[in-house]
Amino acid sequence: YHSVLSMDEQLVAALFDAAKAEHEPFWRLPFEEFHRSQISSSFADISNTGSVPVGAGASTATAFLSYFIKNYRQNWLHIDCSATFRKSGSDLWAAGATGIGVQTIANLLLSKGA
């Protein structure tokens, strides 16, 4: 599964529609305002790691990226695809990137361009 994080409900719904059409697995993880406050830094404007003892890795990464988006609440989402990389091969997958999600992203972009 890829995880998807966003504050834009309509965009997430469109992504899940595209994922369903392409038979590719996605699941939603939380991204809330408080995640943005958890990446403060004593040495810089923000940190690329969380400042709380129990971090939410994908949510923290999304919070970090959101600081580089003009309006992070709309028309933007983060797809965390690290879980679909394989260090070694299996009966189902070769080692390396699986390609899961590529068709979904193409479907989503084509639907938005129409």
N, C-alpha and C. Protein backbone atom coordinates (compact mmCIF):
# COMPACT_ATOMS: atom_id res chain seq x y z
N TYR A 1 0.83 -1.19 0.00
CA TYR A 1 0.00 0.00 0.00
C TYR A 1 0.87 1.24 0.00
N HIS A 2 0.39 2.27 -0.71
CA HIS A 2 0.95 3.61 -0.55
C HIS A 2 0.06 4.33 0.45
N SER A 3 0.63 5.19 1.23
CA SER A 3 -0.19 6.02 2.10
C SER A 3 -0.36 7.38 1.44
N VAL A 4 -1.50 7.99 1.69
CA VAL A 4 -1.78 9.31 1.15
C VAL A 4 -2.17 10.21 2.31
N LEU A 5 -1.62 11.42 2.30
CA LEU A 5 -1.86 12.38 3.37
C LEU A 5 -2.21 13.72 2.75
N SER A 6 -3.27 14.33 3.23
CA SER A 6 -3.71 15.60 2.67
C SER A 6 -4.79 16.20 3.55
N MET A 7 -5.00 17.50 3.43
CA MET A 7 -6.12 18.17 4.06
C MET A 7 -7.23 18.45 3.04
N ASP A 8 -7.00 18.09 1.79
CA ASP A 8 -7.96 18.34 0.71
C ASP A 8 -8.81 17.08 0.49
N GLU A 9 -10.00 17.08 1.08
CA GLU A 9 -10.87 15.90 1.03
C GLU A 9 -11.26 15.52 -0.40
N GLN A 10 -11.54 16.51 -1.23
CA GLN A 10 -11.95 16.23 -2.61
C GLN A 10 -10.81 15.61 -3.41
N LEU A 11 -9.61 16.10 -3.23
CA LEU A 11 -8.47 15.55 -3.95
C LEU A 11 -8.17 14.12 -3.51
N VAL A 12 -8.29 13.86 -2.22
CA VAL A 12 -8.09 12.50 -1.72
C VAL A 12 -9.16 11.56 -2.28
N ALA A 13 -10.40 12.03 -2.34
CA ALA A 13 -11.48 11.21 -2.91
C ALA A 13 -11.19 10.90 -4.38
N ALA A 14 -10.70 11.89 -5.11
CA ALA A 14 -10.36 11.67 -6.53
C ALA A 14 -9.22 10.67 -6.66
N LEU A 15 -8.24 10.75 -5.77
CA LEU A 15 -7.14 9.78 -5.79
C LEU A 15 -7.65 8.37 -5.51
N PHE A 16 -8.53 8.23 -4.53
CA PHE A 16 -9.07 6.90 -4.22
C PHE A 16 -9.93 6.36 -5.35
N ASP A 17 -10.65 7.23 -6.05
CA ASP A 17 -11.40 6.80 -7.24
C ASP A 17 -10.44 6.26 -8.30
N ALA A 18 -9.35 6.99 -8.53
CA ALA A 18 -8.35 6.56 -9.51
C ALA A 18 -7.70 5.24 -9.08
N ALA A 19 -7.40 5.11 -7.80
CA ALA A 19 -6.78 3.89 -7.28
C ALA A 19 -7.71 2.69 -7.44
N LYS A 20 -8.99 2.91 -7.19
CA LYS A 20 -9.96 1.82 -7.34
C LYS A 20 -10.04 1.39 -8.80
N ALA A 21 -10.07 2.37 -9.71
CA ALA A 21 -10.14 2.06 -11.14
C ALA A 21 -8.91 1.28 -11.62
N GLU A 22 -7.77 1.55 -11.01
CA GLU A 22 -6.51 0.90 -11.42
C GLU A 22 -6.18 -0.33 -10.58
N HIS A 23 -7.01 -0.64 -9.60
CA HIS A 23 -6.79 -1.80 -8.72
C HIS A 23 -5.43 -1.71 -8.02
N GLU A 24 -5.13 -0.50 -7.53
CA GLU A 24 -3.88 -0.28 -6.79
C GLU A 24 -4.23 0.14 -5.36
N PRO A 25 -3.56 -0.43 -4.38
CA PRO A 25 -3.91 -0.17 -2.99
C PRO A 25 -3.31 1.11 -2.42
N PHE A 26 -4.16 1.95 -1.88
CA PHE A 26 -3.76 3.16 -1.16
C PHE A 26 -4.52 3.17 0.16
N TRP A 27 -3.96 3.82 1.17
CA TRP A 27 -4.70 4.02 2.40
C TRP A 27 -4.34 5.38 2.96
N ARG A 28 -5.25 5.94 3.71
CA ARG A 28 -5.07 7.30 4.22
C ARG A 28 -4.45 7.28 5.60
N LEU A 29 -3.50 8.18 5.78
CA LEU A 29 -2.90 8.42 7.09
C LEU A 29 -3.21 9.86 7.50
N PRO A 30 -3.15 10.15 8.79
CA PRO A 30 -3.52 11.49 9.25
C PRO A 30 -2.48 12.56 8.91
N PHE A 31 -2.98 13.72 8.56
CA PHE A 31 -2.18 14.93 8.44
C PHE A 31 -3.04 16.07 8.98
N GLU A 32 -2.67 16.58 10.13
CA GLU A 32 -3.42 17.63 10.82
C GLU A 32 -2.49 18.80 11.12
N GLU A 33 -3.09 19.92 11.50
CA GLU A 33 -2.30 21.12 11.83
C GLU A 33 -1.24 20.83 12.89
N PHE A 34 -1.59 20.02 13.88
CA PHE A 34 -0.63 19.79 14.97
C PHE A 34 0.64 19.10 14.48
N HIS A 35 0.57 18.37 13.36
CA HIS A 35 1.79 17.77 12.82
C HIS A 35 2.79 18.84 12.40
N ARG A 36 2.28 19.96 11.89
CA ARG A 36 3.17 21.05 11.47
C ARG A 36 3.88 21.67 12.67
N SER A 37 3.23 21.69 13.81
CA SER A 37 3.86 22.29 14.99
C SER A 37 4.90 21.36 15.62
N GLN A 38 4.93 20.11 15.21
CA GLN A 38 5.86 19.14 15.80
C GLN A 38 7.21 19.09 15.10
N ILE A 39 7.45 19.98 14.16
CA ILE A 39 8.75 19.97 13.48
C ILE A 39 9.50 21.28 13.70
N SER A 40 9.27 21.87 14.86
CA SER A 40 10.00 23.10 15.19
C SER A 40 11.48 22.77 15.43
N SER A 41 12.30 23.79 15.35
CA SER A 41 13.74 23.60 15.51
C SER A 41 14.35 24.75 16.28
N SER A 42 15.35 24.47 17.07
CA SER A 42 16.10 25.51 17.78
C SER A 42 17.16 26.14 16.89
N PHE A 43 17.45 25.51 15.76
CA PHE A 43 18.55 25.94 14.92
C PHE A 43 18.13 26.44 13.54
N ALA A 44 16.89 26.17 13.15
CA ALA A 44 16.41 26.53 11.81
C ALA A 44 14.93 26.88 11.89
N ASP A 45 14.37 27.29 10.77
CA ASP A 45 12.94 27.61 10.73
C ASP A 45 12.11 26.38 11.07
N ILE A 46 12.47 25.24 10.49
CA ILE A 46 11.79 23.97 10.76
C ILE A 46 12.82 22.85 10.74
N SER A 47 12.40 21.69 11.25
CA SER A 47 13.26 20.51 11.23
C SER A 47 12.63 19.47 10.32
N ASN A 48 13.44 18.62 9.73
CA ASN A 48 12.87 17.57 8.88
C ASN A 48 12.58 16.29 9.66
N THR A 49 12.68 16.37 10.98
CA THR A 49 12.28 15.26 11.84
C THR A 49 11.40 15.80 12.95
N GLY A 50 10.57 14.94 13.50
CA GLY A 50 9.66 15.35 14.56
C GLY A 50 10.37 15.64 15.86
N SER A 51 9.75 16.49 16.68
CA SER A 51 10.34 16.87 17.96
C SER A 51 9.62 16.22 19.14
N VAL A 52 8.74 15.27 18.86
CA VAL A 52 8.02 14.58 19.93
C VAL A 52 8.60 13.17 20.09
N PRO A 53 8.49 12.59 21.29
CA PRO A 53 9.10 11.28 21.53
C PRO A 53 8.59 10.16 20.61
N VAL A 54 7.30 10.16 20.33
CA VAL A 54 6.72 9.15 19.46
C VAL A 54 6.29 9.84 18.17
N GLY A 55 7.08 9.67 17.14
CA GLY A 55 6.81 10.38 15.90
C GLY A 55 5.96 9.57 14.94
N ALA A 56 5.28 10.28 14.09
CA ALA A 56 4.51 9.67 13.00
C ALA A 56 5.26 10.01 11.72
N GLY A 57 6.10 9.09 11.25
CA GLY A 57 7.03 9.36 10.16
C GLY A 57 6.42 9.96 8.92
N ALA A 58 5.38 9.34 8.37
CA ALA A 58 4.77 9.85 7.14
C ALA A 58 4.08 11.19 7.38
N SER A 59 3.44 11.33 8.54
CA SER A 59 2.77 12.60 8.87
C SER A 59 3.80 13.70 9.08
N THR A 60 4.93 13.36 9.70
CA THR A 60 6.00 14.34 9.89
C THR A 60 6.60 14.75 8.56
N ALA A 61 6.82 13.79 7.67
CA ALA A 61 7.35 14.12 6.34
C ALA A 61 6.39 15.02 5.58
N THR A 62 5.10 14.74 5.68
CA THR A 62 4.10 15.57 5.02
C THR A 62 4.10 16.97 5.61
N ALA A 63 4.20 17.07 6.92
CA ALA A 63 4.25 18.38 7.57
C ALA A 63 5.45 19.17 7.07
N PHE A 64 6.61 18.53 6.97
CA PHE A 64 7.81 19.20 6.47
C PHE A 64 7.58 19.71 5.05
N LEU A 65 7.09 18.85 4.17
CA LEU A 65 6.86 19.25 2.78
C LEU A 65 5.83 20.37 2.67
N SER A 66 4.85 20.38 3.58
CA SER A 66 3.78 21.38 3.50
C SER A 66 4.30 22.80 3.65
N TYR A 67 5.45 22.97 4.29
CA TYR A 67 6.02 24.31 4.44
C TYR A 67 6.53 24.88 3.12
N PHE A 68 6.61 24.07 2.10
CA PHE A 68 7.08 24.52 0.80
C PHE A 68 5.93 24.66 -0.20
N ILE A 69 4.70 24.54 0.28
CA ILE A 69 3.50 24.65 -0.54
C ILE A 69 2.76 25.91 -0.13
N LYS A 70 2.42 26.76 -1.10
CA LYS A 70 1.78 28.04 -0.80
C LYS A 70 0.48 27.84 -0.02
N ASN A 71 -0.42 27.00 -0.53
CA ASN A 71 -1.66 26.70 0.17
C ASN A 71 -1.74 25.20 0.40
N TYR A 72 -1.17 24.73 1.49
CA TYR A 72 -1.05 23.30 1.74
C TYR A 72 -2.38 22.63 2.07
N ARG A 73 -3.43 23.41 2.28
CA ARG A 73 -4.73 22.82 2.61
C ARG A 73 -5.55 22.45 1.38
N GLN A 74 -5.15 22.94 0.21
CA GLN A 74 -5.92 22.69 -1.01
C GLN A 74 -5.01 22.30 -2.17
N ASN A 75 -5.54 21.43 -3.02
CA ASN A 75 -4.87 21.05 -4.27
C ASN A 75 -3.48 20.46 -4.08
N TRP A 76 -3.28 19.78 -2.96
CA TRP A 76 -1.97 19.19 -2.70
C TRP A 76 -2.14 17.96 -1.82
N LEU A 77 -1.41 16.92 -2.15
CA LEU A 77 -1.37 15.74 -1.29
C LEU A 77 0.03 15.14 -1.35
N HIS A 78 0.32 14.34 -0.36
CA HIS A 78 1.61 13.65 -0.29
C HIS A 78 1.35 12.15 -0.35
N ILE A 79 1.99 11.49 -1.29
CA ILE A 79 1.91 10.04 -1.39
C ILE A 79 3.23 9.48 -0.88
N ASP A 80 3.16 8.75 0.21
CA ASP A 80 4.36 8.13 0.78
C ASP A 80 4.47 6.73 0.20
N CYS A 81 5.42 6.55 -0.70
CA CYS A 81 5.52 5.28 -1.43
C CYS A 81 6.70 4.43 -0.97
N SER A 82 7.29 4.76 0.15
CA SER A 82 8.47 4.01 0.60
C SER A 82 8.14 2.56 0.94
N ALA A 83 6.92 2.27 1.34
CA ALA A 83 6.56 0.91 1.75
C ALA A 83 6.48 -0.07 0.59
N THR A 84 6.48 0.42 -0.63
CA THR A 84 6.36 -0.49 -1.77
C THR A 84 7.71 -0.80 -2.42
N PHE A 85 8.79 -0.33 -1.83
CA PHE A 85 10.14 -0.67 -2.29
C PHE A 85 10.54 -1.99 -1.63
N ARG A 86 11.14 -2.87 -2.39
CA ARG A 86 11.55 -4.17 -1.87
C ARG A 86 13.08 -4.28 -1.87
N LYS A 87 13.65 -4.55 -0.70
CA LYS A 87 15.11 -4.74 -0.61
C LYS A 87 15.55 -6.01 -1.32
N SER A 88 14.70 -7.02 -1.27
CA SER A 88 15.02 -8.27 -1.95
C SER A 88 13.77 -8.81 -2.63
N GLY A 89 13.95 -9.66 -3.59
CA GLY A 89 12.83 -10.20 -4.35
C GLY A 89 11.99 -11.18 -3.55
N SER A 90 10.80 -11.46 -4.07
CA SER A 90 9.89 -12.44 -3.48
C SER A 90 9.17 -13.16 -4.62
N ASP A 91 8.21 -13.99 -4.26
CA ASP A 91 7.42 -14.67 -5.29
C ASP A 91 6.60 -13.69 -6.12
N LEU A 92 6.26 -12.54 -5.54
CA LEU A 92 5.43 -11.56 -6.23
C LEU A 92 6.21 -10.42 -6.87
N TRP A 93 7.32 -10.03 -6.25
CA TRP A 93 8.01 -8.81 -6.68
C TRP A 93 9.50 -9.04 -6.86
N ALA A 94 10.07 -8.35 -7.81
CA ALA A 94 11.52 -8.30 -7.95
C ALA A 94 12.06 -7.32 -6.91
N ALA A 95 13.35 -7.34 -6.68
CA ALA A 95 13.96 -6.36 -5.79
C ALA A 95 13.82 -4.97 -6.41
N GLY A 96 13.64 -3.97 -5.56
CA GLY A 96 13.55 -2.59 -6.03
C GLY A 96 12.12 -2.06 -6.00
N ALA A 97 11.89 -1.06 -6.81
CA ALA A 97 10.58 -0.42 -6.85
C ALA A 97 9.55 -1.34 -7.51
N THR A 98 8.34 -1.36 -6.96
CA THR A 98 7.29 -2.22 -7.50
C THR A 98 6.50 -1.55 -8.61
N GLY A 99 6.49 -0.24 -8.64
CA GLY A 99 5.69 0.47 -9.63
C GLY A 99 4.25 0.68 -9.20
N ILE A 100 3.88 0.14 -8.03
CA ILE A 100 2.52 0.35 -7.54
C ILE A 100 2.28 1.85 -7.38
N GLY A 101 1.19 2.31 -7.91
CA GLY A 101 0.81 3.72 -7.78
C GLY A 101 0.98 4.53 -9.04
N VAL A 102 1.82 4.08 -9.95
CA VAL A 102 2.08 4.86 -11.17
C VAL A 102 0.81 5.01 -11.99
N GLN A 103 0.06 3.92 -12.15
CA GLN A 103 -1.17 4.00 -12.94
C GLN A 103 -2.21 4.88 -12.25
N THR A 104 -2.28 4.82 -10.93
CA THR A 104 -3.22 5.66 -10.19
C THR A 104 -2.89 7.13 -10.37
N ILE A 105 -1.62 7.48 -10.26
CA ILE A 105 -1.21 8.88 -10.41
C ILE A 105 -1.51 9.36 -11.83
N ALA A 106 -1.22 8.53 -12.83
CA ALA A 106 -1.52 8.90 -14.22
C ALA A 106 -3.02 9.10 -14.40
N ASN A 107 -3.83 8.20 -13.86
CA ASN A 107 -5.28 8.30 -13.95
C ASN A 107 -5.76 9.60 -13.31
N LEU A 108 -5.25 9.90 -12.12
CA LEU A 108 -5.65 11.13 -11.41
C LEU A 108 -5.29 12.36 -12.22
N LEU A 109 -4.07 12.42 -12.72
CA LEU A 109 -3.63 13.58 -13.50
C LEU A 109 -4.43 13.74 -14.78
N LEU A 110 -4.70 12.64 -15.45
CA LEU A 110 -5.50 12.72 -16.68
C LEU A 110 -6.92 13.18 -16.39
N SER A 111 -7.49 12.74 -15.27
CA SER A 111 -8.85 13.17 -14.92
C SER A 111 -8.89 14.65 -14.56
N LYS A 112 -7.82 15.17 -13.97
CA LYS A 112 -7.77 16.59 -13.60
C LYS A 112 -7.50 17.47 -14.82
N GLY A 113 -6.88 16.90 -15.85
CA GLY A 113 -6.56 17.67 -17.05
C GLY A 113 -7.71 17.74 -18.03
N ALA A 114 -8.73 16.93 -17.83
CA ALA A 114 -9.86 16.88 -18.78
C ALA A 114 -10.77 18.07 -18.63
